Protein backbone atom coordinates (compact mmCIF):
# COMPACT_ATOMS: atom_id res chain seq x y z
CA MET A 1 98.82 83.47 107.72
CA ASN A 2 96.16 81.51 109.62
CA PRO A 3 96.20 77.73 109.94
CA VAL A 4 94.07 75.84 107.43
CA TYR A 5 91.28 73.78 108.98
CA ASP A 6 89.32 70.96 107.43
CA PHE A 7 85.76 71.10 108.77
CA LYS A 8 84.21 69.20 105.87
CA GLY A 9 81.20 67.18 107.00
CA GLN A 10 80.81 69.32 110.11
CA VAL A 11 78.16 71.86 111.00
CA ALA A 12 78.71 75.23 112.67
CA LEU A 13 76.13 77.61 114.15
CA VAL A 14 76.92 81.30 114.69
CA THR A 15 74.69 83.82 116.47
CA GLY A 16 74.95 87.54 115.81
CA ALA A 17 76.02 86.49 112.34
CA SER A 18 74.73 89.33 110.15
CA SER A 19 77.78 91.57 110.62
CA GLY A 20 81.08 92.07 112.41
CA MET A 21 82.80 89.21 114.20
CA GLY A 22 79.85 86.86 113.78
CA LEU A 23 79.67 87.26 110.02
CA VAL A 24 83.43 86.96 109.52
CA THR A 25 83.55 83.86 111.72
CA ALA A 26 80.66 82.26 109.83
CA GLN A 27 82.52 82.95 106.58
CA ALA A 28 85.67 81.39 108.02
CA PHE A 29 83.80 78.24 109.07
CA ALA A 30 82.31 78.01 105.58
CA GLU A 31 85.67 78.50 103.88
CA ALA A 32 87.04 75.68 106.06
CA GLY A 33 84.35 73.37 104.62
CA ALA A 34 81.66 73.45 107.31
CA SER A 35 77.96 73.82 106.67
CA VAL A 36 76.99 77.01 108.45
CA VAL A 37 73.86 78.23 110.21
CA LEU A 38 73.74 82.01 110.57
CA VAL A 39 71.46 83.33 113.32
CA ASP A 40 70.54 86.98 113.87
CA ARG A 41 67.52 89.21 114.41
CA ASN A 42 68.34 91.43 111.40
CA ALA A 43 66.62 89.51 108.63
CA ALA A 44 67.76 91.68 105.71
CA LYS A 45 71.47 91.59 106.56
CA LEU A 46 71.27 87.93 107.54
CA ASN A 47 69.68 86.84 104.28
CA ALA A 48 72.17 88.90 102.29
CA ALA A 49 75.04 87.19 104.10
CA VAL A 50 73.66 83.73 103.37
CA GLU A 51 73.08 84.60 99.73
CA THR A 52 76.72 85.61 99.44
CA LEU A 53 77.90 82.36 101.03
CA THR A 54 75.68 80.11 98.93
CA ALA A 55 76.63 81.97 95.76
CA ALA A 56 80.24 81.09 96.57
CA GLY A 57 79.31 77.41 96.78
CA HIS A 58 79.01 77.05 100.54
CA ARG A 59 76.17 75.33 102.41
CA ALA A 60 74.48 77.91 104.61
CA ILE A 61 71.07 78.77 105.98
CA ALA A 62 69.68 81.81 107.79
CA ILE A 63 67.55 81.69 110.93
CA VAL A 64 66.00 84.92 112.17
CA CYS A 65 65.88 84.70 115.95
CA ASP A 66 65.65 86.63 119.19
CA VAL A 67 68.44 84.92 121.13
CA SER A 68 66.90 85.83 124.49
CA ASP A 69 63.83 83.69 123.71
CA GLU A 70 64.53 80.07 124.71
CA ALA A 71 61.79 78.68 122.50
CA GLN A 72 63.35 80.38 119.47
CA ALA A 73 66.81 79.15 120.44
CA LYS A 74 65.53 75.59 120.79
CA ALA A 75 63.82 75.84 117.41
CA ALA A 76 67.00 77.19 115.80
CA VAL A 77 69.08 74.25 117.02
CA GLU A 78 66.35 71.79 115.99
CA ARG A 79 66.20 73.31 112.52
CA THR A 80 69.99 73.07 112.25
CA VAL A 81 69.86 69.35 112.99
CA ALA A 82 66.88 68.82 110.69
CA GLU A 83 68.73 70.57 107.85
CA PHE A 84 72.23 69.18 108.31
CA GLY A 85 71.86 66.17 110.60
CA ARG A 86 74.10 67.31 113.45
CA LEU A 87 75.79 70.24 115.22
CA ASP A 88 79.54 70.15 115.75
CA MET A 89 80.56 73.72 116.51
CA ALA A 90 78.91 76.86 117.80
CA TYR A 91 80.03 80.44 118.24
CA ASN A 92 77.55 82.23 120.50
CA ASN A 93 78.40 85.78 119.56
CA ALA A 94 75.19 87.86 119.62
CA GLY A 95 75.49 90.91 121.83
CA ILE A 96 74.55 94.55 122.31
CA LEU A 97 76.40 97.44 123.92
CA GLY A 98 73.53 99.05 125.76
CA PRO A 99 73.58 102.49 127.39
CA MET A 100 76.91 104.05 128.34
CA CYS A 101 76.57 105.97 131.58
CA GLU A 102 77.43 105.78 135.25
CA MET A 103 75.79 102.81 136.93
CA SER A 104 73.71 105.11 139.15
CA SER A 105 72.14 106.55 135.98
CA GLU A 106 71.26 103.21 134.38
CA THR A 107 67.63 102.21 134.12
CA ALA A 108 66.31 98.80 135.06
CA GLU A 109 64.92 98.46 131.53
CA GLY A 110 68.28 99.19 129.94
CA TYR A 111 70.08 96.83 132.29
CA ASP A 112 67.59 94.03 131.64
CA GLU A 113 67.83 94.45 127.87
CA VAL A 114 71.61 94.05 127.94
CA GLN A 115 71.44 90.97 130.16
CA ALA A 116 68.68 89.45 128.01
CA VAL A 117 70.80 89.51 124.86
CA ASN A 118 74.35 89.21 126.16
CA LEU A 119 73.88 86.71 128.99
CA ARG A 120 70.52 85.00 128.67
CA GLY A 121 71.12 84.77 124.91
CA ILE A 122 74.29 82.76 125.57
CA TRP A 123 72.44 80.57 128.06
CA THR A 124 69.52 79.79 125.75
CA PHE A 125 71.66 78.72 122.82
CA MET A 126 74.33 76.93 124.81
CA LYS A 127 71.70 74.90 126.64
CA HIS A 128 70.19 73.53 123.44
CA GLU A 129 73.52 73.17 121.65
CA LEU A 130 74.73 71.06 124.56
CA LEU A 131 71.63 68.90 124.51
CA GLN A 132 72.34 68.04 120.87
CA MET A 133 76.08 67.60 121.36
CA LYS A 134 75.51 65.27 124.31
CA LYS A 135 73.45 63.03 122.03
CA GLN A 136 76.38 62.97 119.59
CA GLY A 137 79.08 62.62 122.24
CA SER A 138 81.10 65.42 120.66
CA GLY A 139 81.17 69.14 119.98
CA ALA A 140 82.88 72.46 120.64
CA ILE A 141 81.29 75.71 121.78
CA VAL A 142 82.88 79.14 121.94
CA ASN A 143 81.03 81.93 123.72
CA CYS A 144 81.80 85.57 123.05
CA SER A 145 82.60 87.37 126.26
CA SER A 146 84.75 90.50 125.99
CA LEU A 147 87.63 92.34 127.48
CA GLY A 148 84.68 93.64 129.51
CA GLY A 149 84.39 90.18 131.05
CA LEU A 150 87.90 90.45 132.50
CA VAL A 151 88.16 94.07 133.66
CA GLY A 152 85.94 96.95 134.67
CA LEU A 153 85.65 100.29 132.88
CA PRO A 154 83.64 103.38 133.81
CA GLY A 155 80.25 103.89 132.21
CA ARG A 156 79.86 100.27 131.17
CA ALA A 157 78.43 98.51 134.24
CA ALA A 158 75.54 96.65 132.58
CA TYR A 159 77.67 95.51 129.64
CA HIS A 160 80.57 94.40 131.81
CA ALA A 161 78.25 92.59 134.20
CA SER A 162 76.82 90.60 131.29
CA LYS A 163 80.24 89.73 129.90
CA HIS A 164 81.59 88.66 133.30
CA GLY A 165 78.51 86.44 133.50
CA VAL A 166 79.34 84.83 130.15
CA ILE A 167 82.67 83.67 131.57
CA GLY A 168 80.95 82.16 134.59
CA LEU A 169 78.48 80.31 132.36
CA THR A 170 81.32 79.12 130.16
CA LYS A 171 83.44 77.73 132.98
CA SER A 172 80.56 75.95 134.70
CA ALA A 173 79.19 74.46 131.48
CA ALA A 174 82.68 73.36 130.48
CA LEU A 175 83.00 71.39 133.70
CA ASP A 176 79.55 69.86 133.21
CA VAL A 177 80.46 68.29 129.87
CA ALA A 178 84.26 67.97 129.74
CA ALA A 179 84.11 64.20 130.20
CA GLN A 180 81.43 63.83 127.50
CA GLY A 181 83.53 64.76 124.49
CA ILE A 182 82.41 68.40 124.45
CA ARG A 183 84.60 71.45 124.98
CA VAL A 184 83.28 74.86 126.00
CA ASN A 185 85.46 77.98 125.96
CA ALA A 186 85.13 81.75 125.55
CA VAL A 187 86.92 84.48 123.65
CA CYS A 188 87.36 87.95 125.11
CA PRO A 189 87.85 90.42 122.25
CA GLY A 190 89.40 93.78 123.02
CA CYS A 191 88.97 96.87 120.89
CA ILE A 192 87.85 95.43 117.54
CA ASP A 193 86.89 97.34 114.41
CA THR A 194 83.21 96.30 114.15
CA PRO A 195 79.82 98.00 113.71
CA MET A 196 79.31 97.81 117.50
CA GLY A 197 82.46 99.86 117.98
CA GLU A 198 80.93 102.60 115.86
CA GLU A 199 78.32 103.10 118.59
CA ILE A 200 81.01 104.25 121.02
CA ASP A 201 82.09 107.89 121.17
CA PRO A 202 85.26 108.27 119.03
CA ALA A 203 87.06 110.12 121.82
CA ALA A 204 86.29 107.31 124.24
CA MET A 205 87.49 104.73 121.72
CA LYS A 206 90.74 106.66 121.21
CA GLU A 207 91.32 106.70 124.95
CA PHE A 208 90.44 103.03 125.26
CA LEU A 209 92.85 102.14 122.46
CA LYS A 210 95.72 103.59 124.49
CA GLY A 211 95.38 100.56 126.76
CA GLN A 212 95.77 98.12 123.85
CA PRO A 213 99.57 97.82 123.60
CA ILE A 214 99.55 96.53 120.04
CA GLY A 215 98.61 100.10 119.09
CA ARG A 216 95.75 99.40 116.69
CA PHE A 217 92.22 98.10 116.53
CA GLY A 218 91.81 94.37 116.23
CA ARG A 219 90.13 92.87 113.18
CA SER A 220 87.16 90.53 113.07
CA ASP A 221 89.21 87.93 111.20
CA GLU A 222 91.66 87.83 114.13
CA VAL A 223 88.82 86.94 116.47
CA ALA A 224 87.51 84.40 113.95
CA ALA A 225 90.95 82.77 113.86
CA ALA A 226 90.83 82.28 117.63
CA VAL A 227 87.31 80.84 117.46
CA LEU A 228 88.20 78.34 114.74
CA TRP A 229 91.29 77.24 116.63
CA LEU A 230 89.26 76.67 119.81
CA CYS A 231 86.83 74.54 117.78
CA SER A 232 89.61 72.55 116.11
CA PRO A 233 91.47 69.40 117.18
CA GLY A 234 94.46 71.65 117.81
CA ALA A 235 92.71 72.88 120.97
CA SER A 236 91.69 69.41 122.16
CA LEU A 237 93.02 70.00 125.69
CA ILE A 238 91.61 73.52 126.04
CA VAL A 239 88.56 73.50 128.32
CA GLY A 240 86.84 76.33 130.17
CA VAL A 241 89.22 79.13 129.22
CA ALA A 242 88.42 82.81 128.67
CA LEU A 243 90.94 83.66 125.95
CA PRO A 244 91.85 87.34 125.62
CA VAL A 245 92.04 88.46 121.98
CA ASP A 246 92.94 91.99 122.91
CA GLY A 247 96.34 93.09 121.64
CA GLY A 248 97.79 92.86 125.13
CA PHE A 249 95.27 94.93 127.10
CA VAL A 250 95.02 92.55 130.07
CA ALA A 251 98.78 91.93 130.08
CA HIS A 252 99.19 95.25 131.95
């Protein structure tokens, strides 16, 4: 059983919110009483998700956005504030897997695409979220890194480079604003049952799962639970951490 949070009167923004961990986290914020802004580039899935939330009585809006484009990120945060008056919490979750191959076989185009979404996309949104939160003097941001931000694995150089970078951004930004009433942290999900995981070869996933001592895939709601805790008053002293949510993988 997860703790029950009261986020009534607060506003949460989630990127990569049309499916997987982003969607489940947005739903969790909404169920805890927050007004929720769902951001994604997949308009059809995004609008369907918002329709489901609003039909259940929650306050939610959809913003179609390329997270790598700073102008679009700025506009998304501005629309959030125009719609709901403030921004209290953000889960910067949008990410792509990119090509899986030895680093020497990667293309510059493939590498740049992964960094644009996974790393620059965190930077663009966090920058403008922080600008708004600094005006308020409060806020909490959680960035989605990965187990791939803590370890290396073969065939995943571009992805792991981007996720290591997310942790660096998180730690530095956290130190920038810790004394201003704003907390910045990251989660590092392990092997989670999401649509992104379906892109990975099943044999590779089976092998990868052997390193997850809990012996099963994680669930999106387990990641969402960590995100909501990091955004809650219960984590008021937690600043600049990269929290593994990985069933024990990095405990080896």
